[in-house]
Amino acid sequence: MAEDRKSYQQKMEERLRRLGARIDELLKEVEVRAREEYRRLSETLPQKLKKAQEELERLKAAGDEAWTEFRPGLEHAWTDVKDAWEKASERFRRRREEE
C-alpha cells in the first residue's frame, strides 16, 4: 500500500521528535561528564603541580650533602604531574581528532 504524503509527513515528524529528544539527552549527559572531568582535572592537576613545586623547594633548602635524599621525592612528584597532564591532554586531543 502506497503511503500518502500526510502519513509520511506525520511519521517523519514523530521520528524527528523522538530523535531530537534523544539528542537532547545525549547533550545533557556530555555536558555533565565534561563538567565532572573539568572539576576533577582542576582539582588534581594543580595539586600535583603544587606537590612537585614543594618537593623542589625542599631540595633547594637542603644542604649540599642532604639534597640527594630529596631527589627521589621530586622525581616522583614530577613524574606524577607530567603523567597526569599527558593523559588528560591526550584524551582531549583524541576527542578533537574524532570530531
PDB file of N, CA and C in Angstrom:
ATOM      1  N   MET A   1       0.844  -1.167   0.000  1.00  0.00           N
ATOM      2  CA  MET A   1       0.000   0.000   0.000  1.00  0.00           C
ATOM      3  C   MET A   1       0.894   1.236   0.000  1.00  0.00           C
ATOM      4  N   ALA A   2       0.609   2.102  -0.878  1.00  0.00           N
ATOM      5  CA  ALA A   2       1.401   3.320  -1.002  1.00  0.00           C
ATOM      6  C   ALA A   2       1.087   4.262   0.148  1.00  0.00           C
ATOM      7  N   GLU A   3       2.119   4.861   0.620  1.00  0.00           N
ATOM      8  CA  GLU A   3       1.978   5.789   1.735  1.00  0.00           C
ATOM      9  C   GLU A   3       1.645   7.170   1.178  1.00  0.00           C
ATOM     10  N   ASP A   4       0.659   7.815   1.767  1.00  0.00           N
ATOM     11  CA  ASP A   4       0.335   9.150   1.283  1.00  0.00           C
ATOM     12  C   ASP A   4       1.219  10.202   1.960  1.00  0.00           C
ATOM     13  N   ARG A   5       1.181  11.355   1.396  1.00  0.00           N
ATOM     14  CA  ARG A   5       2.049  12.436   1.856  1.00  0.00           C
ATOM     15  C   ARG A   5       1.812  12.773   3.324  1.00  0.00           C
ATOM     16  N   LYS A   6       0.585  12.864   3.744  1.00  0.00           N
ATOM     17  CA  LYS A   6       0.269  13.267   5.115  1.00  0.00           C
ATOM     18  C   LYS A   6       0.765  12.242   6.132  1.00  0.00           C
ATOM     19  N   SER A   7       0.544  10.959   5.869  1.00  0.00           N
ATOM     20  CA  SER A   7       1.006   9.944   6.817  1.00  0.00           C
ATOM     21  C   SER A   7       2.532   9.883   6.845  1.00  0.00           C
ATOM     22  N   TYR A   8       3.147  10.063   5.683  1.00  0.00           N
ATOM     23  CA  TYR A   8       4.609  10.098   5.638  1.00  0.00           C
ATOM     24  C   TYR A   8       5.135  11.277   6.445  1.00  0.00           C
ATOM     25  N   GLN A   9       4.536  12.423   6.262  1.00  0.00           N
ATOM     26  CA  GLN A   9       4.947  13.622   6.980  1.00  0.00           C
ATOM     27  C   GLN A   9       4.793  13.417   8.488  1.00  0.00           C
ATOM     28  N   GLN A  10       3.693  12.842   8.918  1.00  0.00           N
ATOM     29  CA  GLN A  10       3.476  12.589  10.347  1.00  0.00           C
ATOM     30  C   GLN A  10       4.498  11.608  10.902  1.00  0.00           C
ATOM     31  N   LYS A  11       4.776  10.572  10.125  1.00  0.00           N
ATOM     32  CA  LYS A  11       5.759   9.577  10.554  1.00  0.00           C
ATOM     33  C   LYS A  11       7.139  10.226  10.723  1.00  0.00           C
ATOM     34  N   MET A  12       7.526  11.059   9.772  1.00  0.00           N
ATOM     35  CA  MET A  12       8.833  11.713   9.857  1.00  0.00           C
ATOM     36  C   MET A  12       8.866  12.735  10.988  1.00  0.00           C
ATOM     37  N   GLU A  13       7.774  13.443  11.208  1.00  0.00           N
ATOM     38  CA  GLU A  13       7.721  14.386  12.334  1.00  0.00           C
ATOM     39  C   GLU A  13       7.935  13.639  13.650  1.00  0.00           C
ATOM     40  N   GLU A  14       7.307  12.509  13.802  1.00  0.00           N
ATOM     41  CA  GLU A  14       7.441  11.719  15.025  1.00  0.00           C
ATOM     42  C   GLU A  14       8.860  11.176  15.163  1.00  0.00           C
ATOM     43  N   ARG A  15       9.434  10.686  14.092  1.00  0.00           N
ATOM     44  CA  ARG A  15      10.810  10.198  14.139  1.00  0.00           C
ATOM     45  C   ARG A  15      11.770  11.310  14.558  1.00  0.00           C
ATOM     46  N   LEU A  16      11.610  12.480  13.939  1.00  0.00           N
ATOM     47  CA  LEU A  16      12.489  13.601  14.252  1.00  0.00           C
ATOM     48  C   LEU A  16      12.276  14.093  15.680  1.00  0.00           C
ATOM     49  N   ARG A  17      11.040  14.078  16.154  1.00  0.00           N
ATOM     50  CA  ARG A  17      10.762  14.481  17.531  1.00  0.00           C
ATOM     51  C   ARG A  17      11.460  13.541  18.510  1.00  0.00           C
ATOM     52  N   ARG A  18      11.331  12.235  18.283  1.00  0.00           N
ATOM     53  CA  ARG A  18      11.983  11.252  19.153  1.00  0.00           C
ATOM     54  C   ARG A  18      13.502  11.373  19.114  1.00  0.00           C
ATOM     55  N   LEU A  19      14.038  11.523  17.913  1.00  0.00           N
ATOM     56  CA  LEU A  19      15.485  11.669  17.784  1.00  0.00           C
ATOM     57  C   LEU A  19      15.959  12.963  18.442  1.00  0.00           C
ATOM     58  N   GLY A  20      15.193  14.026  18.294  1.00  0.00           N
ATOM     59  CA  GLY A  20      15.530  15.291  18.943  1.00  0.00           C
ATOM     60  C   GLY A  20      15.592  15.138  20.454  1.00  0.00           C
ATOM     61  N   ALA A  21      14.660  14.387  21.023  1.00  0.00           N
ATOM     62  CA  ALA A  21      14.665  14.142  22.471  1.00  0.00           C
ATOM     63  C   ALA A  21      15.905  13.347  22.867  1.00  0.00           C
ATOM     64  N   ARG A  22      16.279  12.361  22.069  1.00  0.00           N
ATOM     65  CA  ARG A  22      17.467  11.566  22.365  1.00  0.00           C
ATOM     66  C   ARG A  22      18.739  12.409  22.250  1.00  0.00           C
ATOM     67  N   ILE A  23      18.775  13.306  21.271  1.00  0.00           N
ATOM     68  CA  ILE A  23      19.922  14.204  21.118  1.00  0.00           C
ATOM     69  C   ILE A  23      20.032  15.106  22.342  1.00  0.00           C
ATOM     70  N   ASP A  24      18.902  15.646  22.793  1.00  0.00           N
ATOM     71  CA  ASP A  24      18.912  16.492  23.995  1.00  0.00           C
ATOM     72  C   ASP A  24      19.452  15.730  25.201  1.00  0.00           C
ATOM     73  N   GLU A  25      19.025  14.486  25.367  1.00  0.00           N
ATOM     74  CA  GLU A  25      19.504  13.656  26.479  1.00  0.00           C
ATOM     75  C   GLU A  25      21.012  13.443  26.386  1.00  0.00           C
ATOM     76  N   LEU A  26      21.482  13.142  25.186  1.00  0.00           N
ATOM     77  CA  LEU A  26      22.911  12.924  24.977  1.00  0.00           C
ATOM     78  C   LEU A  26      23.711  14.184  25.292  1.00  0.00           C
ATOM     79  N   LEU A  27      23.245  15.320  24.815  1.00  0.00           N
ATOM     80  CA  LEU A  27      23.958  16.572  25.068  1.00  0.00           C
ATOM     81  C   LEU A  27      24.009  16.896  26.554  1.00  0.00           C
ATOM     82  N   LYS A  28      22.937  16.620  27.272  1.00  0.00           N
ATOM     83  CA  LYS A  28      22.933  16.838  28.720  1.00  0.00           C
ATOM     84  C   LYS A  28      23.956  15.928  29.394  1.00  0.00           C
ATOM     85  N   GLU A  29      24.015  14.680  28.964  1.00  0.00           N
ATOM     86  CA  GLU A  29      24.970  13.733  29.536  1.00  0.00           C
ATOM     87  C   GLU A  29      26.410  14.171  29.246  1.00  0.00           C
ATOM     88  N   VAL A  30      26.664  14.591  28.018  1.00  0.00           N
ATOM     89  CA  VAL A  30      28.003  15.051  27.650  1.00  0.00           C
ATOM     90  C   VAL A  30      28.380  16.276  28.476  1.00  0.00           C
ATOM     91  N   GLU A  31      27.433  17.188  28.664  1.00  0.00           N
ATOM     92  CA  GLU A  31      27.705  18.390  29.454  1.00  0.00           C
ATOM     93  C   GLU A  31      28.054  18.026  30.899  1.00  0.00           C
ATOM     94  N   VAL A  32      27.313  17.103  31.480  1.00  0.00           N
ATOM     95  CA  VAL A  32      27.581  16.672  32.852  1.00  0.00           C
ATOM     96  C   VAL A  32      28.956  16.029  32.943  1.00  0.00           C
ATOM     97  N   ARG A  33      29.257  15.157  32.001  1.00  0.00           N
ATOM     98  CA  ARG A  33      30.571  14.493  32.018  1.00  0.00           C
ATOM     99  C   ARG A  33      31.706  15.494  31.834  1.00  0.00           C
ATOM    100  N   ALA A  34      31.501  16.471  30.955  1.00  0.00           N
ATOM    101  CA  ALA A  34      32.542  17.476  30.730  1.00  0.00           C
ATOM    102  C   ALA A  34      32.762  18.297  31.996  1.00  0.00           C
ATOM    103  N   ARG A  35      31.682  18.655  32.675  1.00  0.00           N
ATOM    104  CA  ARG A  35      31.824  19.401  33.933  1.00  0.00           C
ATOM    105  C   ARG A  35      32.556  18.569  34.974  1.00  0.00           C
ATOM    106  N   GLU A  36      32.202  17.283  35.053  1.00  0.00           N
ATOM    107  CA  GLU A  36      32.864  16.399  36.018  1.00  0.00           C
ATOM    108  C   GLU A  36      34.351  16.263  35.704  1.00  0.00           C
ATOM    109  N   GLU A  37      34.667  16.102  34.435  1.00  0.00           N
ATOM    110  CA  GLU A  37      36.070  15.974  34.021  1.00  0.00           C
ATOM    111  C   GLU A  37      36.827  17.265  34.327  1.00  0.00           C
ATOM    112  N   TYR A  38      36.213  18.406  34.024  1.00  0.00           N
ATOM    113  CA  TYR A  38      36.860  19.682  34.321  1.00  0.00           C
ATOM    114  C   TYR A  38      37.097  19.826  35.819  1.00  0.00           C
ATOM    115  N   ARG A  39      36.078  19.513  36.616  1.00  0.00           N
ATOM    116  CA  ARG A  39      36.216  19.638  38.069  1.00  0.00           C
ATOM    117  C   ARG A  39      37.338  18.725  38.581  1.00  0.00           C
ATOM    118  N   ARG A  40      37.362  17.503  38.093  1.00  0.00           N
ATOM    119  CA  ARG A  40      38.385  16.554  38.527  1.00  0.00           C
ATOM    120  C   ARG A  40      39.781  17.051  38.152  1.00  0.00           C
ATOM    121  N   LEU A  41      39.935  17.488  36.906  1.00  0.00           N
ATOM    122  CA  LEU A  41      41.246  17.963  36.457  1.00  0.00           C
ATOM    123  C   LEU A  41      41.646  19.257  37.154  1.00  0.00           C
ATOM    124  N   SER A  42      40.673  20.147  37.387  1.00  0.00           N
ATOM    125  CA  SER A  42      41.006  21.416  38.032  1.00  0.00           C
ATOM    126  C   SER A  42      41.386  21.219  39.493  1.00  0.00           C
ATOM    127  N   GLU A  43      41.015  20.086  40.057  1.00  0.00           N
ATOM    128  CA  GLU A  43      41.429  19.773  41.420  1.00  0.00           C
ATOM    129  C   GLU A  43      42.756  19.017  41.440  1.00  0.00           C
ATOM    130  N   THR A  44      42.888  18.022  40.589  1.00  0.00           N
ATOM    131  CA  THR A  44      44.057  17.147  40.679  1.00  0.00           C
ATOM    132  C   THR A  44      45.321  17.730  40.046  1.00  0.00           C
ATOM    133  N   LEU A  45      45.220  18.312  38.858  1.00  0.00           N
ATOM    134  CA  LEU A  45      46.438  18.793  38.197  1.00  0.00           C
ATOM    135  C   LEU A  45      47.140  19.898  38.998  1.00  0.00           C
ATOM    136  N   PRO A  46      46.440  20.931  39.453  1.00  0.00           N
ATOM    137  CA  PRO A  46      47.144  21.939  40.258  1.00  0.00           C
ATOM    138  C   PRO A  46      47.714  21.375  41.563  1.00  0.00           C
ATOM    139  N   GLN A  47      47.023  20.406  42.170  1.00  0.00           N
ATOM    140  CA  GLN A  47      47.547  19.794  43.401  1.00  0.00           C
ATOM    141  C   GLN A  47      48.841  19.045  43.125  1.00  0.00           C
ATOM    142  N   LYS A  48      48.866  18.316  42.029  1.00  0.00           N
ATOM    143  CA  LYS A  48      50.065  17.571  41.681  1.00  0.00           C
ATOM    144  C   LYS A  48      51.227  18.517  41.361  1.00  0.00           C
ATOM    145  N   LEU A  49      50.916  19.601  40.665  1.00  0.00           N
ATOM    146  CA  LEU A  49      51.947  20.593  40.367  1.00  0.00           C
ATOM    147  C   LEU A  49      52.472  21.225  41.652  1.00  0.00           C
ATOM    148  N   LYS A  50      51.579  21.568  42.554  1.00  0.00           N
ATOM    149  CA  LYS A  50      51.986  22.165  43.834  1.00  0.00           C
ATOM    150  C   LYS A  50      52.887  21.210  44.611  1.00  0.00           C
ATOM    151  N   LYS A  51      52.545  19.929  44.610  1.00  0.00           N
ATOM    152  CA  LYS A  51      53.361  18.929  45.307  1.00  0.00           C
ATOM    153  C   LYS A  51      54.770  18.902  44.720  1.00  0.00           C
ATOM    154  N   ALA A  52      54.878  18.932  43.395  1.00  0.00           N
ATOM    155  CA  ALA A  52      56.201  18.929  42.758  1.00  0.00           C
ATOM    156  C   ALA A  52      56.964  20.201  43.106  1.00  0.00           C
ATOM    157  N   GLN A  53      56.264  21.332  43.124  1.00  0.00           N
ATOM    158  CA  GLN A  53      56.926  22.586  43.478  1.00  0.00           C
ATOM    159  C   GLN A  53      57.407  22.563  44.936  1.00  0.00           C
ATOM    160  N   GLU A  54      56.610  21.979  45.822  1.00  0.00           N
ATOM    161  CA  GLU A  54      57.011  21.852  47.226  1.00  0.00           C
ATOM    162  C   GLU A  54      58.239  20.952  47.371  1.00  0.00           C
ATOM    163  N   GLU A  55      58.256  19.868  46.613  1.00  0.00           N
ATOM    164  CA  GLU A  55      59.421  18.973  46.647  1.00  0.00           C
ATOM    165  C   GLU A  55      60.668  19.690  46.146  1.00  0.00           C
ATOM    166  N   LEU A  56      60.514  20.520  45.129  1.00  0.00           N
ATOM    167  CA  LEU A  56      61.647  21.294  44.624  1.00  0.00           C
ATOM    168  C   LEU A  56      62.149  22.259  45.700  1.00  0.00           C
ATOM    169  N   GLU A  57      61.238  22.891  46.408  1.00  0.00           N
ATOM    170  CA  GLU A  57      61.634  23.813  47.477  1.00  0.00           C
ATOM    171  C   GLU A  57      62.375  23.070  48.585  1.00  0.00           C
ATOM    172  N   ARG A  58      61.936  21.864  48.906  1.00  0.00           N
ATOM    173  CA  ARG A  58      62.638  21.052  49.908  1.00  0.00           C
ATOM    174  C   ARG A  58      64.057  20.749  49.441  1.00  0.00           C
ATOM    175  N   LEU A  59      64.181  20.398  48.170  1.00  0.00           N
ATOM    176  CA  LEU A  59      65.504  20.099  47.619  1.00  0.00           C
ATOM    177  C   LEU A  59      66.385  21.349  47.650  1.00  0.00           C
ATOM    178  N   LYS A  60      65.812  22.492  47.292  1.00  0.00           N
ATOM    179  CA  LYS A  60      66.580  23.737  47.283  1.00  0.00           C
ATOM    180  C   LYS A  60      67.049  24.123  48.685  1.00  0.00           C
ATOM    181  N   ALA A  61      66.235  23.801  49.692  1.00  0.00           N
ATOM    182  CA  ALA A  61      66.571  24.159  51.063  1.00  0.00           C
ATOM    183  C   ALA A  61      67.546  23.179  51.702  1.00  0.00           C
ATOM    184  N   ALA A  62      67.712  22.031  51.095  1.00  0.00           N
ATOM    185  CA  ALA A  62      68.590  21.002  51.672  1.00  0.00           C
ATOM    186  C   ALA A  62      70.049  21.407  51.520  1.00  0.00           C
ATOM    187  N   GLY A  63      70.852  20.935  52.434  1.00  0.00           N
ATOM    188  CA  GLY A  63      72.287  21.171  52.353  1.00  0.00           C
ATOM    189  C   GLY A  63      72.899  20.395  51.196  1.00  0.00           C
ATOM    190  N   ASP A  64      74.172  20.708  50.920  1.00  0.00           N
ATOM    191  CA  ASP A  64      74.850  20.068  49.791  1.00  0.00           C
ATOM    192  C   ASP A  64      74.902  18.551  49.911  1.00  0.00           C
ATOM    193  N   GLU A  65      75.062  18.037  51.111  1.00  0.00           N
ATOM    194  CA  GLU A  65      75.116  16.578  51.275  1.00  0.00           C
ATOM    195  C   GLU A  65      73.723  15.952  51.310  1.00  0.00           C
ATOM    196  N   ALA A  66      72.734  16.678  51.805  1.00  0.00           N
ATOM    197  CA  ALA A  66      71.407  16.096  52.026  1.00  0.00           C
ATOM    198  C   ALA A  66      70.482  16.194  50.811  1.00  0.00           C
ATOM    199  N   TRP A  67      70.840  16.961  49.798  1.00  0.00           N
ATOM    200  CA  TRP A  67      69.912  17.175  48.685  1.00  0.00           C
ATOM    201  C   TRP A  67      69.534  15.885  47.971  1.00  0.00           C
ATOM    202  N   THR A  68      70.451  14.921  47.964  1.00  0.00           N
ATOM    203  CA  THR A  68      70.162  13.659  47.274  1.00  0.00           C
ATOM    204  C   THR A  68      69.037  12.881  47.945  1.00  0.00           C
ATOM    205  N   GLU A  69      68.791  13.153  49.223  1.00  0.00           N
ATOM    206  CA  GLU A  69      67.685  12.498  49.920  1.00  0.00           C
ATOM    207  C   GLU A  69      66.335  12.982  49.387  1.00  0.00           C
ATOM    208  N   PHE A  70      66.292  14.202  48.899  1.00  0.00           N
ATOM    209  CA  PHE A  70      65.037  14.788  48.432  1.00  0.00           C
ATOM    210  C   PHE A  70      64.796  14.549  46.944  1.00  0.00           C
ATOM    211  N   ARG A  71      65.822  14.148  46.247  1.00  0.00           N
ATOM    212  CA  ARG A  71      65.707  13.956  44.802  1.00  0.00           C
ATOM    213  C   ARG A  71      64.644  12.917  44.423  1.00  0.00           C
ATOM    214  N   PRO A  72      64.572  11.736  45.062  1.00  0.00           N
ATOM    215  CA  PRO A  72      63.552  10.760  44.676  1.00  0.00           C
ATOM    216  C   PRO A  72      62.120  11.294  44.835  1.00  0.00           C
ATOM    217  N   GLY A  73      61.879  12.060  45.895  1.00  0.00           N
ATOM    218  CA  GLY A  73      60.548  12.641  46.089  1.00  0.00           C
ATOM    219  C   GLY A  73      60.194  13.610  44.988  1.00  0.00           C
ATOM    220  N   LEU A  74      61.150  14.424  44.576  1.00  0.00           N
ATOM    221  CA  LEU A  74      60.924  15.369  43.487  1.00  0.00           C
ATOM    222  C   LEU A  74      60.720  14.638  42.170  1.00  0.00           C
ATOM    223  N   GLU A  75      61.529  13.637  41.916  1.00  0.00           N
ATOM    224  CA  GLU A  75      61.375  12.857  40.675  1.00  0.00           C
ATOM    225  C   GLU A  75      59.993  12.196  40.618  1.00  0.00           C
ATOM    226  N   HIS A  76      59.555  11.647  41.742  1.00  0.00           N
ATOM    227  CA  HIS A  76      58.235  11.009  41.794  1.00  0.00           C
ATOM    228  C   HIS A  76      57.121  12.045  41.553  1.00  0.00           C
ATOM    229  N   ALA A  77      57.216  13.192  42.224  1.00  0.00           N
ATOM    230  CA  ALA A  77      56.202  14.237  42.063  1.00  0.00           C
ATOM    231  C   ALA A  77      56.181  14.750  40.626  1.00  0.00           C
ATOM    232  N   TRP A  78      57.362  14.902  40.027  1.00  0.00           N
ATOM    233  CA  TRP A  78      57.461  15.352  38.635  1.00  0.00           C
ATOM    234  C   TRP A  78      56.779  14.354  37.701  1.00  0.00           C
ATOM    235  N   THR A  79      57.094  13.090  37.867  1.00  0.00           N
ATOM    236  CA  THR A  79      56.505  12.052  37.019  1.00  0.00           C
ATOM    237  C   THR A  79      54.993  12.015  37.191  1.00  0.00           C
ATOM    238  N   ASP A  80      54.526  12.155  38.416  1.00  0.00           N
ATOM    239  CA  ASP A  80      53.100  12.124  38.700  1.00  0.00           C
ATOM    240  C   ASP A  80      52.362  13.249  37.976  1.00  0.00           C
ATOM    241  N   VAL A  81      52.845  14.473  38.085  1.00  0.00           N
ATOM    242  CA  VAL A  81      52.160  15.601  37.450  1.00  0.00           C
ATOM    243  C   VAL A  81      52.296  15.540  35.927  1.00  0.00           C
ATOM    244  N   LYS A  82      53.459  15.143  35.435  1.00  0.00           N
ATOM    245  CA  LYS A  82      53.665  15.051  33.982  1.00  0.00           C
ATOM    246  C   LYS A  82      52.765  13.985  33.376  1.00  0.00           C
ATOM    247  N   ASP A  83      52.687  12.817  34.008  1.00  0.00           N
ATOM    248  CA  ASP A  83      51.835  11.739  33.503  1.00  0.00           C
ATOM    249  C   ASP A  83      50.359  12.131  33.520  1.00  0.00           C
ATOM    250  N   ALA A  84      49.921  12.788  34.586  1.00  0.00           N
ATOM    251  CA  ALA A  84      48.521  13.218  34.680  1.00  0.00           C
ATOM    252  C   ALA A  84      48.203  14.219  33.581  1.00  0.00           C
ATOM    253  N   TRP A  85      49.108  15.153  33.332  1.00  0.00           N
ATOM    254  CA  TRP A  85      48.904  16.135  32.276  1.00  0.00           C
ATOM    255  C   TRP A  85      48.868  15.465  30.902  1.00  0.00           C
ATOM    256  N   GLU A  86      49.797  14.538  30.668  1.00  0.00           N
ATOM    257  CA  GLU A  86      49.841  13.857  29.374  1.00  0.00           C
ATOM    258  C   GLU A  86      48.570  13.056  29.114  1.00  0.00           C
ATOM    259  N   LYS A  87      48.078  12.349  30.133  1.00  0.00           N
ATOM    260  CA  LYS A  87      46.845  11.574  29.964  1.00  0.00           C
ATOM    261  C   LYS A  87      45.664  12.477  29.661  1.00  0.00           C
ATOM    262  N   ALA A  88      45.544  13.571  30.386  1.00  0.00           N
ATOM    263  CA  ALA A  88      44.430  14.499  30.173  1.00  0.00           C
ATOM    264  C   ALA A  88      44.511  15.134  28.789  1.00  0.00           C
ATOM    265  N   SER A  89      45.676  15.600  28.412  1.00  0.00           N
ATOM    266  CA  SER A  89      45.795  16.257  27.111  1.00  0.00           C
ATOM    267  C   SER A  89      45.603  15.262  25.971  1.00  0.00           C
ATOM    268  N   GLU A  90      46.026  14.030  26.144  1.00  0.00           N
ATOM    269  CA  GLU A  90      45.830  13.007  25.110  1.00  0.00           C
ATOM    270  C   GLU A  90      44.345  12.711  24.910  1.00  0.00           C
ATOM    271  N   ARG A  91      43.592  12.638  26.006  1.00  0.00           N
ATOM    272  CA  ARG A  91      42.142  12.410  25.886  1.00  0.00           C
ATOM    273  C   ARG A  91      41.495  13.518  25.073  1.00  0.00           C
ATOM    274  N   PHE A  92      41.863  14.759  25.328  1.00  0.00           N
ATOM    275  CA  PHE A  92      41.264  15.872  24.604  1.00  0.00           C
ATOM    276  C   PHE A  92      41.737  15.938  23.164  1.00  0.00           C
ATOM    277  N   ARG A  93      42.981  15.576  22.915  1.00  0.00           N
ATOM    278  CA  ARG A  93      43.470  15.531  21.531  1.00  0.00           C
ATOM    279  C   ARG A  93      42.702  14.492  20.716  1.00  0.00           C
ATOM    280  N   ARG A  94      42.500  13.309  21.314  1.00  0.00           N
ATOM    281  CA  ARG A  94      41.763  12.255  20.614  1.00  0.00           C
ATOM    282  C   ARG A  94      40.343  12.695  20.305  1.00  0.00           C
ATOM    283  N   ARG A  95      39.709  13.352  21.264  1.00  0.00           N
ATOM    284  CA  ARG A  95      38.345  13.829  21.051  1.00  0.00           C
ATOM    285  C   ARG A  95      38.294  14.851  19.912  1.00  0.00           C
ATOM    286  N   ARG A  96      39.269  15.748  19.882  1.00  0.00           N
ATOM    287  CA  ARG A  96      39.314  16.741  18.805  1.00  0.00           C
ATOM    288  C   ARG A  96      39.500  16.073  17.455  1.00  0.00           C
ATOM    289  N   GLU A  97      40.350  15.066  17.397  1.00  0.00           N
ATOM    290  CA  GLU A  97      40.609  14.369  16.138  1.00  0.00           C
ATOM    291  C   GLU A  97      39.391  13.591  15.669  1.00  0.00           C
ATOM    292  N   GLU A  98      38.581  13.126  16.602  1.00  0.00           N
ATOM    293  CA  GLU A  98      37.382  12.371  16.256  1.00  0.00           C
ATOM    294  C   GLU A  98      36.279  13.262  15.692  1.00  0.00           C
ATOM    295  N   GLU A  99      36.366  14.555  15.976  1.00  0.00           N
ATOM    296  CA  GLU A  99      35.307  15.485  15.527  1.00  0.00           C
ATOM    297  C   GLU A  99      35.375  15.734  14.053  1.00  0.00           C
TER     298      GLU A  99
END
